[in-house]
PDB file of N, CA and C in Angstrom:
ATOM      1  N   UNK A   1     -48.013-111.835  20.937  1.00  0.00           N
ATOM      2  CA  UNK A   1     -46.849-110.705  20.702  1.00  0.00           C
ATOM      3  C   UNK A   1     -46.584-109.683  21.808  1.00  0.00           C
ATOM      4  N   UNK A   2     -45.131-109.863  21.940  1.00  0.00           N
ATOM      5  CA  UNK A   2     -44.699-109.193  23.357  1.00  0.00           C
ATOM      6  C   UNK A   2     -45.069-107.643  23.136  1.00  0.00           C
ATOM      7  N   UNK A   3     -45.316-107.057  24.408  1.00  0.00           N
ATOM      8  CA  UNK A   3     -45.513-105.542  24.369  1.00  0.00           C
ATOM      9  C   UNK A   3     -44.076-104.770  24.092  1.00  0.00           C
ATOM     10  N   UNK A   4     -44.318-103.642  23.362  1.00  0.00           N
ATOM     11  CA  UNK A   4     -43.304-102.753  23.071  1.00  0.00           C
ATOM     12  C   UNK A   4     -42.698-102.373  24.314  1.00  0.00           C
ATOM     13  N   UNK A   5     -41.428-102.177  24.529  1.00  0.00           N
ATOM     14  CA  UNK A   5     -40.713-101.761  25.663  1.00  0.00           C
ATOM     15  C   UNK A   5     -40.677-100.030  25.555  1.00  0.00           C
ATOM     16  N   UNK A   6     -40.746 -99.512  26.637  1.00  0.00           N
ATOM     17  CA  UNK A   6     -40.471 -98.102  26.736  1.00  0.00           C
ATOM     18  C   UNK A   6     -39.072 -97.789  26.204  1.00  0.00           C
ATOM     19  N   UNK A   7     -39.154 -96.531  25.265  1.00  0.00           N
ATOM     20  CA  UNK A   7     -37.928 -96.110  24.794  1.00  0.00           C
ATOM     21  C   UNK A   7     -37.851 -94.617  24.687  1.00  0.00           C
ATOM     22  N   UNK A   8     -36.605 -94.054  24.780  1.00  0.00           N
ATOM     23  CA  UNK A   8     -36.715 -92.635  24.690  1.00  0.00           C
ATOM     24  C   UNK A   8     -36.485 -91.948  23.240  1.00  0.00           C
ATOM     25  N   UNK A   9     -36.574 -90.924  23.103  1.00  0.00           N
ATOM     26  CA  UNK A   9     -36.812 -90.113  21.821  1.00  0.00           C
ATOM     27  C   UNK A   9     -35.468 -90.351  21.097  1.00  0.00           C
ATOM     28  N   UNK A  10     -34.294 -90.073  21.883  1.00  0.00           N
ATOM     29  CA  UNK A  10     -32.886 -90.186  21.165  1.00  0.00           C
ATOM     30  C   UNK A  10     -32.694 -91.621  20.852  1.00  0.00           C
ATOM     31  N   UNK A  11     -33.025 -92.554  21.764  1.00  0.00           N
ATOM     32  CA  UNK A  11     -32.863 -94.080  21.279  1.00  0.00           C
ATOM     33  C   UNK A  11     -33.577 -94.327  20.082  1.00  0.00           C
ATOM     34  N   UNK A  12     -34.808 -93.831  19.937  1.00  0.00           N
ATOM     35  CA  UNK A  12     -35.616 -94.088  18.738  1.00  0.00           C
ATOM     36  C   UNK A  12     -35.051 -93.442  17.736  1.00  0.00           C
ATOM     37  N   UNK A  13     -34.437 -92.320  17.754  1.00  0.00           N
ATOM     38  CA  UNK A  13     -33.721 -91.421  16.480  1.00  0.00           C
ATOM     39  C   UNK A  13     -32.546 -92.341  16.400  1.00  0.00           C
ATOM     40  N   UNK A  14     -31.619 -92.948  17.083  1.00  0.00           N
ATOM     41  CA  UNK A  14     -30.622 -93.830  16.851  1.00  0.00           C
ATOM     42  C   UNK A  14     -30.936 -95.114  16.109  1.00  0.00           C
ATOM     43  N   UNK A  15     -32.103 -95.494  16.468  1.00  0.00           N
ATOM     44  CA  UNK A  15     -32.573 -96.772  15.840  1.00  0.00           C
ATOM     45  C   UNK A  15     -33.113 -96.578  14.331  1.00  0.00           C
ATOM     46  N   UNK A  16     -33.893 -95.400  14.141  1.00  0.00           N
ATOM     47  CA  UNK A  16     -34.072 -95.148  12.855  1.00  0.00           C
ATOM     48  C   UNK A  16     -32.709 -94.679  11.823  1.00  0.00           C
ATOM     49  N   UNK A  17     -31.727 -94.198  12.571  1.00  0.00           N
ATOM     50  CA  UNK A  17     -30.615 -94.029  11.843  1.00  0.00           C
ATOM     51  C   UNK A  17     -30.229 -95.189  11.143  1.00  0.00           C
ATOM     52  N   UNK A  18     -30.290 -96.443  11.631  1.00  0.00           N
ATOM     53  CA  UNK A  18     -30.014 -97.542  11.023  1.00  0.00           C
ATOM     54  C   UNK A  18     -30.517 -97.673   9.662  1.00  0.00           C
ATOM     55  N   UNK A  19     -31.789 -97.035   9.424  1.00  0.00           N
ATOM     56  CA  UNK A  19     -32.457 -97.147   8.108  1.00  0.00           C
ATOM     57  C   UNK A  19     -32.462 -96.164   7.308  1.00  0.00           C
ATOM     58  N   UNK A  20     -31.238 -95.422   7.613  1.00  0.00           N
ATOM     59  CA  UNK A  20     -31.145 -94.004   6.799  1.00  0.00           C
ATOM     60  C   UNK A  20     -31.698 -92.760   7.144  1.00  0.00           C
ATOM     61  N   UNK A  21     -32.254 -92.879   8.391  1.00  0.00           N
ATOM     62  CA  UNK A  21     -32.824 -91.511   8.839  1.00  0.00           C
ATOM     63  C   UNK A  21     -31.963 -90.662   9.486  1.00  0.00           C
ATOM     64  N   UNK A  22     -31.803 -89.346   9.292  1.00  0.00           N
ATOM     65  CA  UNK A  22     -30.994 -88.431   9.993  1.00  0.00           C
ATOM     66  C   UNK A  22     -31.651 -87.398  10.550  1.00  0.00           C
ATOM     67  N   UNK A  23     -31.196 -86.580  11.687  1.00  0.00           N
ATOM     68  CA  UNK A  23     -32.010 -85.611  12.253  1.00  0.00           C
ATOM     69  C   UNK A  23     -31.871 -84.278  11.283  1.00  0.00           C
ATOM     70  N   UNK A  24     -32.763 -83.945  10.751  1.00  0.00           N
ATOM     71  CA  UNK A  24     -32.892 -82.864   9.934  1.00  0.00           C
ATOM     72  C   UNK A  24     -33.006 -81.530  10.938  1.00  0.00           C
ATOM     73  N   UNK A  25     -33.809 -81.399  11.764  1.00  0.00           N
ATOM     74  CA  UNK A  25     -33.779 -80.089  12.764  1.00  0.00           C
ATOM     75  C   UNK A  25     -34.740 -80.415  14.103  1.00  0.00           C
ATOM     76  N   UNK A  26     -34.685 -79.506  14.753  1.00  0.00           N
ATOM     77  CA  UNK A  26     -35.483 -79.906  16.109  1.00  0.00           C
ATOM     78  C   UNK A  26     -36.487 -78.619  16.266  1.00  0.00           C
ATOM     79  N   UNK A  27     -37.578 -78.929  16.415  1.00  0.00           N
ATOM     80  CA  UNK A  27     -38.505 -77.591  16.651  1.00  0.00           C
ATOM     81  C   UNK A  27     -38.961 -77.946  18.215  1.00  0.00           C
ATOM     82  N   UNK A  28     -38.711 -77.085  19.062  1.00  0.00           N
ATOM     83  CA  UNK A  28     -39.065 -77.347  20.609  1.00  0.00           C
ATOM     84  C   UNK A  28     -38.505 -78.549  21.054  1.00  0.00           C
ATOM     85  N   UNK A  29     -39.450 -79.686  21.456  1.00  0.00           N
ATOM     86  CA  UNK A  29     -38.936 -80.776  22.218  1.00  0.00           C
ATOM     87  C   UNK A  29     -39.214 -81.938  21.052  1.00  0.00           C
ATOM     88  N   UNK A  30     -39.006 -81.451  19.789  1.00  0.00           N
ATOM     89  CA  UNK A  30     -39.689 -82.762  18.939  1.00  0.00           C
ATOM     90  C   UNK A  30     -38.397 -82.813  17.759  1.00  0.00           C
ATOM     91  N   UNK A  31     -37.747 -83.898  17.527  1.00  0.00           N
ATOM     92  CA  UNK A  31     -36.710 -84.073  16.496  1.00  0.00           C
ATOM     93  C   UNK A  31     -37.543 -84.362  15.162  1.00  0.00           C
ATOM     94  N   UNK A  32     -37.163 -83.789  14.083  1.00  0.00           N
ATOM     95  CA  UNK A  32     -37.546 -84.012  12.841  1.00  0.00           C
ATOM     96  C   UNK A  32     -36.531 -84.901  12.101  1.00  0.00           C
ATOM     97  N   UNK A  33     -36.783 -86.222  11.691  1.00  0.00           N
ATOM     98  CA  UNK A  33     -35.996 -86.908  10.876  1.00  0.00           C
ATOM     99  C   UNK A  33     -36.281 -87.038   9.623  1.00  0.00           C
ATOM    100  N   UNK A  34     -35.313 -87.041   8.729  1.00  0.00           N
ATOM    101  CA  UNK A  34     -35.894 -87.179   7.305  1.00  0.00           C
ATOM    102  C   UNK A  34     -34.936 -88.409   6.698  1.00  0.00           C
ATOM    103  N   UNK A  35     -35.654 -89.132   5.868  1.00  0.00           N
ATOM    104  CA  UNK A  35     -34.866 -90.205   5.266  1.00  0.00           C
ATOM    105  C   UNK A  35     -33.931 -89.765   4.076  1.00  0.00           C
ATOM    106  N   UNK A  36     -32.666 -90.303   4.052  1.00  0.00           N
ATOM    107  CA  UNK A  36     -31.787 -89.966   3.011  1.00  0.00           C
ATOM    108  C   UNK A  36     -32.085 -90.463   1.835  1.00  0.00           C
ATOM    109  N   UNK A  37     -32.755 -91.612   1.516  1.00  0.00           N
ATOM    110  CA  UNK A  37     -33.004 -92.409   0.180  1.00  0.00           C
ATOM    111  C   UNK A  37     -34.590 -92.221   0.164  1.00  0.00           C
ATOM    112  N   UNK A  38     -34.944 -92.642  -1.066  1.00  0.00           N
ATOM    113  CA  UNK A  38     -36.340 -92.748  -1.399  1.00  0.00           C
ATOM    114  C   UNK A  38     -37.022 -93.825  -0.512  1.00  0.00           C
ATOM    115  N   UNK A  39     -38.139 -93.605  -0.061  1.00  0.00           N
ATOM    116  CA  UNK A  39     -39.127 -92.671  -0.464  1.00  0.00           C
ATOM    117  C   UNK A  39     -39.119 -91.220   0.407  1.00  0.00           C
ATOM    118  N   UNK A  40     -37.862 -90.956   0.855  1.00  0.00           N
ATOM    119  CA  UNK A  40     -37.779 -89.593   1.668  1.00  0.00           C
ATOM    120  C   UNK A  40     -38.808 -89.416   2.684  1.00  0.00           C
ATOM    121  N   UNK A  41     -39.217 -90.195   3.475  1.00  0.00           N
ATOM    122  CA  UNK A  41     -40.109 -90.082   4.581  1.00  0.00           C
ATOM    123  C   UNK A  41     -39.503 -89.035   5.434  1.00  0.00           C
ATOM    124  N   UNK A  42     -40.476 -88.542   6.281  1.00  0.00           N
ATOM    125  CA  UNK A  42     -40.318 -87.470   7.345  1.00  0.00           C
ATOM    126  C   UNK A  42     -40.694 -87.989   8.725  1.00  0.00           C
ATOM    127  N   UNK A  43     -40.155 -88.103   9.999  1.00  0.00           N
ATOM    128  CA  UNK A  43     -40.873 -88.488  11.183  1.00  0.00           C
ATOM    129  C   UNK A  43     -40.627 -87.311  12.027  1.00  0.00           C
ATOM    130  N   UNK A  44     -41.497 -87.358  12.952  1.00  0.00           N
ATOM    131  CA  UNK A  44     -41.521 -86.361  13.883  1.00  0.00           C
ATOM    132  C   UNK A  44     -41.337 -87.285  15.296  1.00  0.00           C
ATOM    133  N   UNK A  45     -40.444 -87.055  16.072  1.00  0.00           N
ATOM    134  CA  UNK A  45     -40.152 -87.612  17.267  1.00  0.00           C
ATOM    135  C   UNK A  45     -40.097 -86.879  18.405  1.00  0.00           C
ATOM    136  N   UNK A  46     -40.954 -87.140  19.477  1.00  0.00           N
ATOM    137  CA  UNK A  46     -40.966 -86.351  20.588  1.00  0.00           C
ATOM    138  C   UNK A  46     -39.445 -86.750  21.489  1.00  0.00           C
ATOM    139  N   UNK A  47     -38.833 -85.614  21.728  1.00  0.00           N
ATOM    140  CA  UNK A  47     -37.475 -85.796  22.487  1.00  0.00           C
ATOM    141  C   UNK A  47     -37.859 -85.854  24.040  1.00  0.00           C
ATOM    142  N   UNK A  48     -38.555 -86.987  24.363  1.00  0.00           N
ATOM    143  CA  UNK A  48     -38.805 -87.122  25.713  1.00  0.00           C
ATOM    144  C   UNK A  48     -38.058 -88.373  26.287  1.00  0.00           C
ATOM    145  N   UNK A  49     -38.077 -88.459  27.713  1.00  0.00           N
ATOM    146  CA  UNK A  49     -37.386 -89.660  28.353  1.00  0.00           C
ATOM    147  C   UNK A  49     -37.950 -90.920  28.013  1.00  0.00           C
ATOM    148  N   UNK A  50     -39.360 -90.867  28.000  1.00  0.00           N
ATOM    149  CA  UNK A  50     -40.132 -92.048  27.738  1.00  0.00           C
ATOM    150  C   UNK A  50     -41.176 -91.813  26.653  1.00  0.00           C
ATOM    151  N   UNK A  51     -41.244 -92.282  25.470  1.00  0.00           N
ATOM    152  CA  UNK A  51     -42.307 -92.158  24.571  1.00  0.00           C
ATOM    153  C   UNK A  51     -43.419 -92.815  24.967  1.00  0.00           C
ATOM    154  N   UNK A  52     -44.654 -92.491  24.730  1.00  0.00           N
ATOM    155  CA  UNK A  52     -45.751 -93.266  24.900  1.00  0.00           C
ATOM    156  C   UNK A  52     -46.073 -94.440  23.905  1.00  0.00           C
ATOM    157  N   UNK A  53     -46.595 -95.574  24.499  1.00  0.00           N
ATOM    158  CA  UNK A  53     -46.736 -96.768  23.411  1.00  0.00           C
ATOM    159  C   UNK A  53     -47.481 -96.380  22.456  1.00  0.00           C
ATOM    160  N   UNK A  54     -48.441 -95.595  22.479  1.00  0.00           N
ATOM    161  CA  UNK A  54     -49.385 -95.098  21.460  1.00  0.00           C
ATOM    162  C   UNK A  54     -48.802 -94.321  20.423  1.00  0.00           C
ATOM    163  N   UNK A  55     -48.000 -93.588  20.813  1.00  0.00           N
ATOM    164  CA  UNK A  55     -47.150 -92.626  19.894  1.00  0.00           C
ATOM    165  C   UNK A  55     -45.960 -93.379  19.135  1.00  0.00           C
ATOM    166  N   UNK A  56     -45.506 -94.387  19.973  1.00  0.00           N
ATOM    167  CA  UNK A  56     -44.321 -95.251  19.331  1.00  0.00           C
ATOM    168  C   UNK A  56     -44.981 -96.097  18.177  1.00  0.00           C
ATOM    169  N   UNK A  57     -46.351 -96.728  18.448  1.00  0.00           N
ATOM    170  CA  UNK A  57     -46.903 -97.324  17.451  1.00  0.00           C
ATOM    171  C   UNK A  57     -47.095 -96.567  16.262  1.00  0.00           C
ATOM    172  N   UNK A  58     -47.521 -95.316  16.388  1.00  0.00           N
ATOM    173  CA  UNK A  58     -47.753 -94.455  15.368  1.00  0.00           C
ATOM    174  C   UNK A  58     -46.597 -94.062  14.486  1.00  0.00           C
ATOM    175  N   UNK A  59     -45.684 -93.806  15.258  1.00  0.00           N
ATOM    176  CA  UNK A  59     -44.157 -93.498  14.512  1.00  0.00           C
ATOM    177  C   UNK A  59     -43.757 -94.744  13.645  1.00  0.00           C
ATOM    178  N   UNK A  60     -43.882 -95.962  14.285  1.00  0.00           N
ATOM    179  CA  UNK A  60     -43.488 -97.173  13.659  1.00  0.00           C
ATOM    180  C   UNK A  60     -44.259 -97.240  12.411  1.00  0.00           C
ATOM    181  N   UNK A  61     -45.718 -97.075  12.339  1.00  0.00           N
ATOM    182  CA  UNK A  61     -46.334 -97.145  11.220  1.00  0.00           C
ATOM    183  C   UNK A  61     -46.129 -96.227  10.156  1.00  0.00           C
ATOM    184  N   UNK A  62     -45.904 -94.941  10.526  1.00  0.00           N
ATOM    185  CA  UNK A  62     -45.514 -93.936   9.639  1.00  0.00           C
ATOM    186  C   UNK A  62     -44.107 -94.010   9.007  1.00  0.00           C
ATOM    187  N   UNK A  63     -43.316 -94.887   9.527  1.00  0.00           N
ATOM    188  CA  UNK A  63     -42.037 -95.235   9.016  1.00  0.00           C
ATOM    189  C   UNK A  63     -42.151 -96.290   8.058  1.00  0.00           C
ATOM    190  N   UNK A  64     -43.211 -97.153   8.047  1.00  0.00           N
ATOM    191  CA  UNK A  64     -43.324 -98.000   6.796  1.00  0.00           C
ATOM    192  C   UNK A  64     -42.962 -99.425   7.258  1.00  0.00           C
ATOM    193  N   UNK A  65     -42.752 -99.491   8.728  1.00  0.00           N
ATOM    194  CA  UNK A  65     -42.080-100.728   9.149  1.00  0.00           C
ATOM    195  C   UNK A  65     -43.260-101.560   9.733  1.00  0.00           C
ATOM    196  N   UNK A  66     -43.240-102.832   9.962  1.00  0.00           N
ATOM    197  CA  UNK A  66     -44.087-103.658  10.852  1.00  0.00           C
ATOM    198  C   UNK A  66     -43.397-103.703  12.166  1.00  0.00           C
ATOM    199  N   UNK A  67     -44.241-104.141  13.271  1.00  0.00           N
ATOM    200  CA  UNK A  67     -43.566-104.099  14.515  1.00  0.00           C
ATOM    201  C   UNK A  67     -42.747-104.960  14.786  1.00  0.00           C
ATOM    202  N   UNK A  68     -42.756-106.100  13.840  1.00  0.00           N
ATOM    203  CA  UNK A  68     -41.653-107.306  13.925  1.00  0.00           C
ATOM    204  C   UNK A  68     -40.309-106.774  13.402  1.00  0.00           C
ATOM    205  N   UNK A  69     -40.398-105.848  12.408  1.00  0.00           N
ATOM    206  CA  UNK A  69     -39.383-105.318  11.743  1.00  0.00           C
ATOM    207  C   UNK A  69     -38.669-104.277  12.692  1.00  0.00           C
ATOM    208  N   UNK A  70     -39.530-103.562  13.262  1.00  0.00           N
ATOM    209  CA  UNK A  70     -38.791-102.518  14.256  1.00  0.00           C
ATOM    210  C   UNK A  70     -38.470-103.168  15.532  1.00  0.00           C
ATOM    211  N   UNK A  71     -38.833-104.345  15.902  1.00  0.00           N
ATOM    212  CA  UNK A  71     -38.285-105.059  16.884  1.00  0.00           C
ATOM    213  C   UNK A  71     -36.885-105.509  16.593  1.00  0.00           C
ATOM    214  N   UNK A  72     -36.719-106.127  15.422  1.00  0.00           N
ATOM    215  CA  UNK A  72     -35.488-106.576  14.939  1.00  0.00           C
ATOM    216  C   UNK A  72     -34.425-105.441  14.945  1.00  0.00           C
ATOM    217  N   UNK A  73     -34.675-104.277  14.789  1.00  0.00           N
ATOM    218  CA  UNK A  73     -33.715-103.191  14.451  1.00  0.00           C
ATOM    219  C   UNK A  73     -33.354-102.940  16.033  1.00  0.00           C
ATOM    220  N   UNK A  74     -34.001-103.171  16.998  1.00  0.00           N
ATOM    221  CA  UNK A  74     -33.466-103.015  18.414  1.00  0.00           C
ATOM    222  C   UNK A  74     -32.739-103.716  18.888  1.00  0.00           C
ATOM    223  N   UNK A  75     -32.683-104.985  18.339  1.00  0.00           N
ATOM    224  CA  UNK A  75     -31.464-106.051  18.710  1.00  0.00           C
ATOM    225  C   UNK A  75     -30.174-105.983  17.903  1.00  0.00           C
TER     226      UNK A  75
END
């Protein structure tokens, strides 16, 4: 399986917008996204120029996606 590529916080927020997430608010340097439809998940994304790979994996897991599904969203 190929490695995850570096991505910024805003790019990640735009990617999750395709799944119905919207920016609810921002606390410091973290974007809080809320899913508009059920199951109404909440994601916290650091608004950094590059998100570390471990943090990215954790966010993908919290969103309920598999890594393959996430990769398809990016393209």
